[in-house]
């Protein structure tokens, strides 16, 4: 039996790079998705590198199991239907990864402190490509509950749009949705007959997303998504999405001190003018609060 070689290579790459991120916080910070360095520093490598980092072993394992089950089908086929092959598969994977990050950048472009990590955008793209290329299957939700693929896809889009609007959890819904839609469009480009075979499903996946993005751009008040404040009332350290690894300890006094030292080093080397507005606000907050009392809690980066 032929093995899905590209799928297995991607799983190994995700495992090794994520493991390095678990061991080395500086490595994690350098390559995770972080809007500030991407926009101001043009560190575009983060669009790709962030997709091979994860916040925890559970986050990594869940993504890789999903990739294994659906990646092999898309790459090689399901026995009755032919897969798209290695080159097209890696193209769909990487395009979905970038598509997810691009939507996250669009939604959070004014928040230079927004950070995220994970392969879910790419994995979502492969999952949606599998649903459209190999229709009529049943998906085990959470690997337990059987759900028709079309119902899962529609529910996935709806849940992602809801999560983007409410922003009440630690999930990078923008990357999930952007990756999923990119994967669906890639599948359509590879096999245009998909639209003739499943037009209702394809339109039910894409039209709500297009309408949501148009309203977000031109009529954000209609969906309750006006501008977000730089600092929330609950947490004033940076912006709402400075988050790191799932199920790991919150930021401690040592983390805050390290961030303060980093900002002071930057000022020493390049002057106060080298700091962004958010960095200046953060420096001011850290300088005052670290002198007053130790401790304080931070948030973790949304996992994709």
Protein backbone atom coordinates (compact mmCIF):
# COMPACT_ATOMS: atom_id res chain seq x y z
CA UNK A 1 0.00 0.00 0.00
CA UNK A 2 1.36 3.40 -1.01
CA UNK A 3 2.09 5.81 1.81
CA UNK A 4 1.17 9.54 1.63
CA UNK A 5 4.78 10.70 1.60
CA UNK A 6 4.19 14.47 1.60
CA UNK A 7 1.64 14.18 4.40
CA UNK A 8 4.09 12.22 6.54
CA UNK A 9 6.91 14.68 5.82
CA UNK A 10 4.70 17.58 6.91
CA UNK A 11 3.76 15.76 10.12
CA UNK A 12 7.42 15.12 10.94
CA UNK A 13 8.35 18.75 10.14
CA UNK A 14 5.56 20.06 12.37
CA UNK A 15 6.64 17.76 15.18
CA UNK A 16 10.32 18.70 15.05
CA UNK A 17 9.82 22.46 14.70
CA UNK A 18 7.11 22.55 17.37
CA UNK A 19 9.35 20.57 19.73
CA UNK A 20 12.08 23.14 19.25
CA UNK A 21 9.54 25.86 20.05
CA UNK A 22 8.55 24.06 23.25
CA UNK A 23 12.20 24.00 24.33
CA UNK A 24 13.21 27.51 23.26
CA UNK A 25 10.97 30.50 23.94
CA UNK A 26 13.20 32.81 21.88
CA UNK A 27 12.79 30.49 18.87
CA UNK A 28 9.01 30.51 19.39
CA UNK A 29 8.87 34.31 19.56
CA UNK A 30 11.09 34.69 16.51
CA UNK A 31 8.95 32.56 14.19
CA UNK A 32 5.36 32.75 15.46
CA UNK A 33 2.78 34.88 13.64
CA UNK A 34 3.22 38.40 15.08
CA UNK A 35 1.67 41.31 13.24
CA UNK A 36 4.12 43.94 14.51
CA UNK A 37 7.29 42.40 13.05
CA UNK A 38 5.41 41.36 9.90
CA UNK A 39 4.06 44.84 9.13
CA UNK A 40 6.85 47.01 10.51
CA UNK A 41 9.80 44.65 10.07
CA UNK A 42 8.65 42.88 6.88
CA UNK A 43 9.35 39.49 8.48
CA UNK A 44 7.20 37.63 5.98
CA UNK A 45 8.78 34.28 6.83
CA UNK A 46 6.40 34.26 9.82
CA UNK A 47 3.49 33.53 7.46
CA UNK A 48 5.00 30.09 6.90
CA UNK A 49 7.05 29.43 10.03
CA UNK A 50 4.13 30.07 12.39
CA UNK A 51 2.26 27.20 10.78
CA UNK A 52 4.86 24.71 11.99
CA UNK A 53 4.79 25.88 15.61
CA UNK A 54 2.22 24.85 18.23
CA UNK A 55 1.26 25.97 21.69
CA UNK A 56 1.17 22.56 23.34
CA UNK A 57 1.52 18.85 22.65
CA UNK A 58 -2.26 18.50 22.63
CA UNK A 59 -2.57 21.27 20.05
CA UNK A 60 0.09 19.61 17.88
CA UNK A 61 -1.32 16.07 18.15
CA UNK A 62 -4.88 17.12 17.31
CA UNK A 63 -3.73 19.01 14.20
CA UNK A 64 -1.46 16.19 13.04
CA UNK A 65 -4.10 13.49 13.51
CA UNK A 66 -6.50 15.53 11.39
CA UNK A 67 -3.81 16.06 8.77
CA UNK A 68 -2.97 12.36 8.71
CA UNK A 69 -6.56 11.19 8.20
CA UNK A 70 -7.50 13.73 5.54
CA UNK A 71 -4.11 14.50 3.99
CA UNK A 72 -3.58 10.95 2.81
CA UNK A 73 -6.96 10.94 1.09
CA UNK A 74 -6.35 14.26 -0.69
CA UNK A 75 -2.81 13.30 -1.69
CA UNK A 76 -3.42 9.72 -2.86
CA UNK A 77 -7.19 9.30 -3.19
CA UNK A 78 -9.67 7.01 -1.43
CA UNK A 79 -9.36 3.93 -3.61
CA UNK A 80 -12.36 4.73 -5.79
CA UNK A 81 -11.21 8.26 -6.67
CA UNK A 82 -7.74 9.53 -7.52
CA UNK A 83 -5.93 12.02 -5.29
CA UNK A 84 -4.36 15.27 -6.45
CA UNK A 85 -0.74 14.12 -6.14
CA UNK A 86 2.24 15.34 -4.13
CA UNK A 87 2.91 18.68 -5.86
CA UNK A 88 -0.70 19.84 -5.84
CA UNK A 89 -1.08 18.64 -2.25
CA UNK A 90 1.84 20.65 -0.89
CA UNK A 91 0.58 23.66 -2.87
CA UNK A 92 -2.89 23.43 -1.31
CA UNK A 93 -1.35 23.00 2.15
CA UNK A 94 0.95 26.03 1.92
CA UNK A 95 -1.63 28.24 0.20
CA UNK A 96 -4.15 27.41 2.93
CA UNK A 97 -1.58 28.23 5.59
CA UNK A 98 -0.87 31.62 4.01
CA UNK A 99 -4.57 32.24 3.34
CA UNK A 100 -5.36 31.69 7.01
CA UNK A 101 -2.63 34.06 8.13
CA UNK A 102 -3.69 36.69 5.60
CA UNK A 103 -7.23 36.71 6.98
CA UNK A 104 -5.84 36.99 10.52
CA UNK A 105 -3.70 39.92 9.34
CA UNK A 106 -6.72 41.58 7.76
CA UNK A 107 -8.85 41.19 10.89
CA UNK A 108 -6.13 42.34 13.32
CA UNK A 109 -4.06 44.66 11.14
CA UNK A 110 -4.35 47.56 13.61
CA UNK A 111 -3.19 45.44 16.55
CA UNK A 112 0.57 45.07 16.16
CA UNK A 113 0.74 42.98 19.33
CA UNK A 114 -1.48 40.22 17.95
CA UNK A 115 0.33 36.86 17.94
CA UNK A 116 -0.76 33.36 16.97
CA UNK A 117 0.66 29.99 16.03
CA UNK A 118 -0.40 26.61 14.70
CA UNK A 119 -1.05 24.58 11.56
CA UNK A 120 -4.85 24.69 11.74
CA UNK A 121 -5.20 27.06 8.80
CA UNK A 122 -3.32 24.64 6.54
CA UNK A 123 -5.06 21.60 8.03
CA UNK A 124 -8.47 23.25 7.58
CA UNK A 125 -7.63 23.84 3.93
CA UNK A 126 -6.79 20.17 3.44
CA UNK A 127 -9.96 19.16 5.29
CA UNK A 128 -12.20 21.31 3.09
CA UNK A 129 -10.40 20.16 -0.04
CA UNK A 130 -11.15 16.57 1.03
CA UNK A 131 -14.83 17.39 1.62
CA UNK A 132 -15.21 18.88 -1.88
CA UNK A 133 -12.96 16.47 -3.78
CA UNK A 134 -14.27 13.32 -2.10
CA UNK A 135 -17.90 14.05 -1.19
CA UNK A 136 -20.38 11.84 0.58
CA UNK A 137 -18.25 10.84 3.56
CA UNK A 138 -18.93 10.96 7.28
CA UNK A 139 -16.62 12.93 9.56
CA UNK A 140 -16.07 11.91 13.18
CA UNK A 141 -16.43 15.13 15.14
CA UNK A 142 -13.80 15.09 17.90
CA UNK A 143 -13.02 11.59 16.53
CA UNK A 144 -16.24 10.32 18.14
CA UNK A 145 -19.49 11.82 16.79
CA UNK A 146 -20.38 10.90 13.15
CA UNK A 147 -21.48 13.92 11.10
CA UNK A 148 -22.17 14.18 7.32
CA UNK A 149 -19.33 16.06 5.64
CA UNK A 150 -21.61 18.80 4.25
CA UNK A 151 -23.12 19.48 7.67
CA UNK A 152 -19.68 19.60 9.27
CA UNK A 153 -18.44 22.09 6.64
CA UNK A 154 -21.40 24.44 7.03
CA UNK A 155 -21.20 24.22 10.83
CA UNK A 156 -17.45 24.88 10.72
CA UNK A 157 -17.94 28.10 8.75
CA UNK A 158 -20.75 29.25 11.02
CA UNK A 159 -18.78 28.53 14.18
CA UNK A 160 -15.70 30.32 12.81
CA UNK A 161 -17.72 33.43 11.90
CA UNK A 162 -19.30 33.41 15.35
CA UNK A 163 -15.90 33.04 17.01
CA UNK A 164 -14.46 35.90 14.96
CA UNK A 165 -17.31 38.14 16.07
CA UNK A 166 -17.35 37.28 19.78
CA UNK A 167 -13.60 36.69 20.38
CA UNK A 168 -14.30 34.96 23.67
CA UNK A 169 -11.87 32.05 23.39
CA UNK A 170 -8.22 31.37 22.64
CA UNK A 171 -8.76 30.04 19.12
CA UNK A 172 -7.51 31.71 15.94
CA UNK A 173 -10.83 31.47 14.08
CA UNK A 174 -9.62 33.81 11.35
CA UNK A 175 -6.80 31.44 10.39
CA UNK A 176 -9.14 28.44 10.51
CA UNK A 177 -11.69 30.10 8.25
CA UNK A 178 -9.14 31.66 5.90
CA UNK A 179 -7.39 28.33 5.48
CA UNK A 180 -10.64 26.43 4.95
CA UNK A 181 -11.89 28.79 2.24
CA UNK A 182 -8.48 28.83 0.55
CA UNK A 183 -8.50 25.01 0.49
CA UNK A 184 -12.00 25.01 -0.99
CA UNK A 185 -11.00 27.47 -3.72
CA UNK A 186 -7.84 25.47 -4.46
CA UNK A 187 -9.93 22.31 -4.83
CA UNK A 188 -12.23 24.16 -7.24
CA UNK A 189 -9.23 25.35 -9.27
CA UNK A 190 -7.88 21.80 -9.49
CA UNK A 191 -11.25 20.24 -10.38
CA UNK A 192 -13.74 22.84 -11.69
CA UNK A 193 -16.45 20.17 -12.00
CA UNK A 194 -16.82 20.40 -8.22
CA UNK A 195 -19.10 23.42 -8.66
CA UNK A 196 -21.41 21.45 -10.95
CA UNK A 197 -21.46 18.47 -8.58
CA UNK A 198 -21.92 20.37 -5.27
CA UNK A 199 -22.97 23.96 -6.05
CA UNK A 200 -25.17 24.38 -2.96
CA UNK A 201 -22.42 23.28 -0.61
CA UNK A 202 -19.77 25.40 -2.30
CA UNK A 203 -21.95 28.53 -2.22
CA UNK A 204 -23.03 27.88 1.38
CA UNK A 205 -19.36 27.87 2.37
CA UNK A 206 -18.16 30.88 0.40
CA UNK A 207 -21.09 33.35 0.27
CA UNK A 208 -21.45 33.82 4.08
CA UNK A 209 -17.70 34.46 4.35
CA UNK A 210 -17.73 37.02 1.52
CA UNK A 211 -20.74 38.82 3.04
CA UNK A 212 -19.12 38.81 6.49
CA UNK A 213 -15.88 40.30 5.17
CA UNK A 214 -17.74 42.96 3.19
CA UNK A 215 -19.70 43.98 6.27
CA UNK A 216 -16.55 43.95 8.38
CA UNK A 217 -14.90 46.28 5.87
CA UNK A 218 -17.77 48.64 5.09
CA UNK A 219 -20.50 48.19 7.77
CA UNK A 220 -18.76 46.83 10.89
CA UNK A 221 -21.49 48.23 13.16
CA UNK A 222 -24.02 45.82 11.66
CA UNK A 223 -22.09 42.84 12.99
CA UNK A 224 -20.95 44.51 16.17
CA UNK A 225 -17.30 44.67 15.22
CA UNK A 226 -16.21 48.29 15.59
CA UNK A 227 -12.63 49.27 16.46
CA UNK A 228 -11.21 47.54 19.53
CA UNK A 229 -9.36 49.54 22.20
CA UNK A 230 -5.61 49.26 22.56
CA UNK A 231 -6.01 48.26 26.20
CA UNK A 232 -8.92 46.34 27.65
CA UNK A 233 -10.35 47.25 31.05
CA UNK A 234 -9.58 43.80 32.36
CA UNK A 235 -5.98 43.50 31.19
CA UNK A 236 -3.72 46.43 30.37
CA UNK A 237 -0.58 44.56 29.40
CA UNK A 238 -0.44 45.13 25.66
CA UNK A 239 -3.49 44.27 23.61
CA UNK A 240 -6.07 41.58 24.05
CA UNK A 241 -4.32 38.97 21.95
CA UNK A 242 -0.86 38.75 23.52
CA UNK A 243 -1.15 35.08 24.30
CA UNK A 244 1.24 32.19 24.34
CA UNK A 245 1.10 28.47 24.91
CA UNK A 246 -2.15 26.72 25.70
CA UNK A 247 -2.52 25.08 29.12
CA UNK A 248 0.81 26.46 30.28
CA UNK A 249 1.41 28.87 33.18
CA UNK A 250 0.39 32.50 32.71
CA UNK A 251 3.10 35.11 32.37
CA UNK A 252 5.07 35.65 35.58
CA UNK A 253 7.13 38.52 36.93
CA UNK A 254 10.13 37.05 35.14
CA UNK A 255 8.33 37.27 31.79
CA UNK A 256 7.36 40.88 32.41
CA UNK A 257 10.89 41.74 33.48
CA UNK A 258 12.30 40.11 30.35
CA UNK A 259 9.95 42.17 28.19
CA UNK A 260 10.92 45.34 30.05
CA UNK A 261 14.63 44.53 29.56
CA UNK A 262 14.04 43.94 25.85
CA UNK A 263 12.38 47.32 25.42
CA UNK A 264 15.06 49.11 27.44
CA UNK A 265 17.78 47.45 25.34
CA UNK A 266 16.05 48.62 22.19
CA UNK A 267 15.89 52.19 23.50
CA UNK A 268 19.55 52.03 24.52
CA UNK A 269 20.63 50.85 21.06
CA UNK A 270 18.30 52.81 18.78
CA UNK A 271 16.68 55.53 20.87
CA UNK A 272 13.13 56.02 22.11
CA UNK A 273 11.98 56.89 18.59
CA UNK A 274 12.61 53.29 17.53
CA UNK A 275 9.66 52.11 19.65
CA UNK A 276 6.19 51.79 18.20
CA UNK A 277 3.31 53.47 20.01
CA UNK A 278 2.21 50.17 21.52
CA UNK A 279 5.77 49.48 22.68
CA UNK A 280 5.97 52.91 24.32
CA UNK A 281 2.66 52.30 26.09
CA UNK A 282 3.88 48.88 27.19
CA UNK A 283 7.18 50.29 28.42
CA UNK A 284 5.36 52.92 30.44
CA UNK A 285 3.00 50.35 31.97
CA UNK A 286 5.77 47.89 32.78
CA UNK A 287 8.02 50.56 34.28
CA UNK A 288 5.27 51.73 36.64
CA UNK A 289 3.77 48.39 37.60
CA UNK A 290 6.97 46.41 38.09
CA UNK A 291 8.10 48.99 40.60
CA UNK A 292 4.78 48.93 42.44
CA UNK A 293 4.19 45.20 42.86
CA UNK A 294 5.43 41.95 41.38
CA UNK A 295 3.42 39.46 39.44
CA UNK A 296 0.57 40.00 37.06
CA UNK A 297 -0.93 37.73 34.48
CA UNK A 298 -0.69 37.83 30.73
CA UNK A 299 -2.64 36.10 28.03
CA UNK A 300 -1.63 33.42 25.59
CA UNK A 301 -1.38 33.54 21.83
CA UNK A 302 -4.40 32.23 19.92
CA UNK A 303 -3.77 28.77 18.61
CA UNK A 304 -4.46 28.04 14.97
